[in-house]
N, C-alpha and C. Protein backbone atom coordinates (compact mmCIF):
# COMPACT_ATOMS: atom_id res chain seq x y z
N MET A 1 132.74 59.18 103.41
CA MET A 1 131.89 58.30 104.18
C MET A 1 131.97 58.66 105.67
N PHE A 2 133.16 58.82 106.18
CA PHE A 2 133.35 59.18 107.58
C PHE A 2 132.68 60.51 107.89
N ASP A 3 132.82 61.47 106.98
CA ASP A 3 132.27 62.81 107.18
C ASP A 3 130.75 62.82 107.26
N LYS A 4 130.10 61.79 106.74
CA LYS A 4 128.64 61.73 106.77
C LYS A 4 128.11 61.11 108.05
N LEU A 5 128.99 60.56 108.87
CA LEU A 5 128.56 59.98 110.15
C LEU A 5 128.17 61.09 111.13
N PRO A 6 127.27 60.81 112.07
CA PRO A 6 126.97 61.79 113.12
C PRO A 6 128.25 62.15 113.89
N ALA A 7 128.33 63.37 114.35
CA ALA A 7 129.54 63.86 115.03
C ALA A 7 129.94 62.98 116.21
N ASN A 8 128.96 62.53 117.00
CA ASN A 8 129.30 61.69 118.15
C ASN A 8 129.88 60.35 117.71
N ILE A 9 129.42 59.81 116.60
CA ILE A 9 129.96 58.54 116.09
C ILE A 9 131.36 58.76 115.53
N GLN A 10 131.60 59.91 114.90
CA GLN A 10 132.94 60.22 114.42
C GLN A 10 133.94 60.23 115.57
N GLU A 11 133.56 60.85 116.69
CA GLU A 11 134.45 60.90 117.85
C GLU A 11 134.70 59.50 118.41
N ILE A 12 133.66 58.70 118.51
CA ILE A 12 133.81 57.33 119.01
C ILE A 12 134.69 56.54 118.04
N ALA A 13 134.46 56.70 116.74
CA ALA A 13 135.24 55.97 115.73
C ALA A 13 136.73 56.33 115.83
N LYS A 14 137.03 57.57 116.09
CA LYS A 14 138.44 57.98 116.25
C LYS A 14 139.07 57.26 117.43
N ARG A 15 138.33 57.17 118.55
CA ARG A 15 138.86 56.48 119.73
C ARG A 15 139.02 54.98 119.47
N VAL A 16 138.04 54.41 118.78
CA VAL A 16 138.11 52.98 118.45
C VAL A 16 139.29 52.72 117.52
N PHE A 17 139.51 53.61 116.56
CA PHE A 17 140.65 53.45 115.65
C PHE A 17 141.97 53.51 116.42
N GLU A 18 142.07 54.42 117.36
CA GLU A 18 143.29 54.51 118.19
C GLU A 18 143.51 53.21 118.97
N ARG A 19 142.43 52.67 119.54
CA ARG A 19 142.52 51.40 120.26
C ARG A 19 142.95 50.29 119.31
N PHE A 20 142.36 50.30 118.10
CA PHE A 20 142.70 49.31 117.09
C PHE A 20 144.19 49.40 116.72
N CYS A 21 144.69 50.61 116.58
CA CYS A 21 146.12 50.78 116.23
C CYS A 21 147.03 50.24 117.33
N GLN A 22 146.60 50.37 118.57
CA GLN A 22 147.38 49.86 119.70
C GLN A 22 147.30 48.35 119.79
N ASP A 23 146.10 47.78 119.52
CA ASP A 23 145.90 46.34 119.65
C ASP A 23 144.75 45.89 118.76
N PRO A 24 145.03 45.52 117.50
CA PRO A 24 143.95 45.11 116.59
C PRO A 24 143.15 43.90 117.10
N ALA A 25 143.73 43.12 118.00
CA ALA A 25 143.04 41.94 118.51
C ALA A 25 142.28 42.21 119.81
N CYS A 26 142.14 43.47 120.22
CA CYS A 26 141.44 43.82 121.45
C CYS A 26 140.03 43.23 121.41
N PRO A 27 139.64 42.46 122.41
CA PRO A 27 138.32 41.80 122.40
C PRO A 27 137.13 42.76 122.28
N THR A 28 137.26 43.96 122.77
CA THR A 28 136.14 44.90 122.71
C THR A 28 135.81 45.32 121.27
N LEU A 29 136.73 45.10 120.35
CA LEU A 29 136.51 45.45 118.95
C LEU A 29 135.65 44.42 118.21
N GLU A 30 135.46 43.26 118.82
CA GLU A 30 134.70 42.18 118.18
C GLU A 30 135.20 41.94 116.75
N HIS A 31 136.48 41.83 116.62
CA HIS A 31 137.20 41.65 115.36
C HIS A 31 136.85 40.30 114.74
N ARG A 32 136.44 40.31 113.47
CA ARG A 32 136.12 39.06 112.77
C ARG A 32 136.48 39.18 111.29
N ARG A 33 136.92 38.05 110.75
CA ARG A 33 137.17 37.99 109.30
C ARG A 33 135.83 37.83 108.59
N LEU A 34 135.66 38.55 107.48
CA LEU A 34 134.43 38.45 106.70
C LEU A 34 134.54 37.31 105.70
N LYS A 35 133.44 36.63 105.48
CA LYS A 35 133.39 35.59 104.46
C LYS A 35 133.38 36.26 103.10
N ASP A 36 134.15 35.70 102.19
CA ASP A 36 134.18 36.22 100.83
C ASP A 36 133.06 35.55 100.05
N THR A 37 132.06 36.34 99.65
CA THR A 37 130.91 35.81 98.91
C THR A 37 130.67 36.67 97.68
N ASP A 38 129.88 36.12 96.78
CA ASP A 38 129.51 36.88 95.58
C ASP A 38 128.51 37.99 95.89
N LYS A 39 127.80 37.87 97.02
CA LYS A 39 126.79 38.85 97.38
C LYS A 39 127.39 40.14 97.93
N GLY A 40 128.49 40.03 98.64
CA GLY A 40 129.08 41.19 99.30
C GLY A 40 129.87 42.07 98.35
N ARG A 41 130.02 43.33 98.76
CA ARG A 41 130.81 44.29 97.97
C ARG A 41 132.14 44.58 98.64
N HIS A 42 132.41 43.90 99.76
CA HIS A 42 133.67 44.12 100.46
C HIS A 42 134.82 43.43 99.71
N ARG A 43 136.02 43.90 100.00
CA ARG A 43 137.20 43.35 99.35
C ARG A 43 137.52 41.97 99.93
N GLU A 44 138.08 41.13 99.09
CA GLU A 44 138.48 39.81 99.54
C GLU A 44 139.50 39.94 100.67
N GLY A 45 139.34 39.12 101.69
CA GLY A 45 140.27 39.14 102.82
C GLY A 45 139.99 40.24 103.83
N SER A 46 138.78 40.79 103.81
CA SER A 46 138.43 41.89 104.72
C SER A 46 138.09 41.39 106.12
N PHE A 47 138.21 42.30 107.07
CA PHE A 47 137.85 42.07 108.46
C PHE A 47 136.90 43.17 108.90
N LYS A 48 136.06 42.88 109.91
CA LYS A 48 135.20 43.91 110.47
C LYS A 48 135.56 44.12 111.92
N VAL A 49 135.33 45.33 112.39
CA VAL A 49 135.44 45.67 113.80
C VAL A 49 134.18 46.44 114.19
N SER A 50 133.79 46.30 115.43
CA SER A 50 132.63 47.04 115.93
C SER A 50 133.08 48.39 116.46
N VAL A 51 132.44 49.43 115.98
CA VAL A 51 132.71 50.78 116.47
C VAL A 51 131.79 51.05 117.67
N THR A 52 130.51 50.71 117.50
CA THR A 52 129.51 50.74 118.58
C THR A 52 128.59 49.55 118.32
N ASN A 53 127.53 49.45 119.10
CA ASN A 53 126.55 48.40 118.84
C ASN A 53 125.87 48.58 117.49
N ARG A 54 125.84 49.82 117.00
CA ARG A 54 125.11 50.12 115.76
C ARG A 54 126.00 50.48 114.57
N TYR A 55 127.33 50.53 114.76
CA TYR A 55 128.23 50.93 113.68
C TYR A 55 129.39 49.95 113.54
N ARG A 56 129.79 49.69 112.29
CA ARG A 56 130.88 48.78 111.99
C ARG A 56 131.88 49.47 111.07
N ALA A 57 133.12 48.97 111.12
CA ALA A 57 134.16 49.40 110.19
C ALA A 57 134.74 48.15 109.54
N ILE A 58 135.22 48.30 108.32
CA ILE A 58 135.81 47.18 107.59
C ILE A 58 137.21 47.60 107.13
N TYR A 59 138.14 46.65 107.23
CA TYR A 59 139.50 46.94 106.80
C TYR A 59 140.12 45.72 106.12
N VAL A 60 141.20 45.96 105.42
CA VAL A 60 142.03 44.90 104.84
C VAL A 60 143.47 45.16 105.24
N VAL A 61 144.28 44.14 105.10
CA VAL A 61 145.71 44.28 105.35
C VAL A 61 146.40 44.47 104.01
N ASP A 62 147.08 45.60 103.86
CA ASP A 62 147.85 45.85 102.64
C ASP A 62 149.09 44.95 102.70
N ARG A 63 149.16 44.01 101.80
CA ARG A 63 150.24 43.01 101.84
C ARG A 63 151.62 43.61 101.54
N GLN A 64 151.66 44.67 100.79
CA GLN A 64 152.94 45.29 100.46
C GLN A 64 153.56 46.01 101.65
N THR A 65 152.71 46.65 102.45
CA THR A 65 153.23 47.44 103.57
C THR A 65 152.91 46.82 104.93
N ASP A 66 152.13 45.72 104.92
CA ASP A 66 151.68 45.08 106.15
C ASP A 66 150.97 46.08 107.05
N THR A 67 150.12 46.91 106.42
CA THR A 67 149.38 47.95 107.11
C THR A 67 147.89 47.63 107.07
N ASN A 68 147.20 47.84 108.18
CA ASN A 68 145.75 47.68 108.23
C ASN A 68 145.11 48.95 107.67
N VAL A 69 144.29 48.80 106.65
CA VAL A 69 143.67 49.94 105.98
C VAL A 69 142.16 49.88 106.16
N TRP A 70 141.62 50.80 106.95
CA TRP A 70 140.17 50.91 107.10
C TRP A 70 139.63 51.57 105.84
N TYR A 71 138.67 50.91 105.19
CA TYR A 71 138.14 51.48 103.95
C TYR A 71 136.63 51.67 103.95
N TRP A 72 135.95 51.21 104.99
CA TRP A 72 134.50 51.38 105.05
C TRP A 72 134.07 51.53 106.50
N ILE A 73 133.06 52.40 106.74
CA ILE A 73 132.47 52.55 108.07
C ILE A 73 131.02 52.99 107.87
N GLY A 74 130.14 52.40 108.68
CA GLY A 74 128.73 52.76 108.56
C GLY A 74 127.87 52.05 109.58
N SER A 75 126.57 52.26 109.46
CA SER A 75 125.62 51.66 110.39
C SER A 75 125.60 50.14 110.21
N HIS A 76 125.09 49.45 111.21
CA HIS A 76 125.00 48.00 111.13
C HIS A 76 124.11 47.58 109.96
N GLU A 77 123.04 48.32 109.72
CA GLU A 77 122.16 48.02 108.58
C GLU A 77 122.91 48.18 107.26
N ASP A 78 123.64 49.28 107.11
CA ASP A 78 124.43 49.48 105.89
C ASP A 78 125.52 48.42 105.76
N TYR A 79 126.11 48.04 106.88
CA TYR A 79 127.12 46.98 106.90
C TYR A 79 126.53 45.68 106.35
N ASN A 80 125.34 45.30 106.84
CA ASN A 80 124.71 44.08 106.36
C ASN A 80 124.48 44.12 104.86
N ASN A 81 124.06 45.26 104.34
CA ASN A 81 123.89 45.42 102.90
C ASN A 81 125.22 45.32 102.17
N PHE A 82 126.25 45.96 102.70
CA PHE A 82 127.55 46.00 102.06
C PHE A 82 128.20 44.62 101.98
N VAL A 83 128.05 43.83 103.03
CA VAL A 83 128.70 42.50 103.03
C VAL A 83 127.78 41.41 102.48
N GLY A 84 126.57 41.78 102.06
CA GLY A 84 125.69 40.83 101.42
C GLY A 84 124.89 39.95 102.33
N ARG A 85 124.57 40.44 103.51
CA ARG A 85 123.78 39.65 104.45
C ARG A 85 122.29 39.89 104.33
N VAL A 86 121.90 40.80 103.47
CA VAL A 86 120.47 41.11 103.30
C VAL A 86 120.03 40.70 101.93
């Protein structure tokens, strides 16, 4: 999924991920918990972060290791489809 992103978005996503690793609550990430609905395909307990105005990433917290695991990244339109907002 990451490999299919435009090269400039990949570079931005890497920087955003580094910022996220330093401070997951950084306000510029626009961090929010996703609602768990039957329409969405995201995992229960997922969170979203903004990569850019047009791209989002989704992660969950692995309870066994207490690690944040990014498992999805894509355009805002694809994000809306993935979380069931369309």
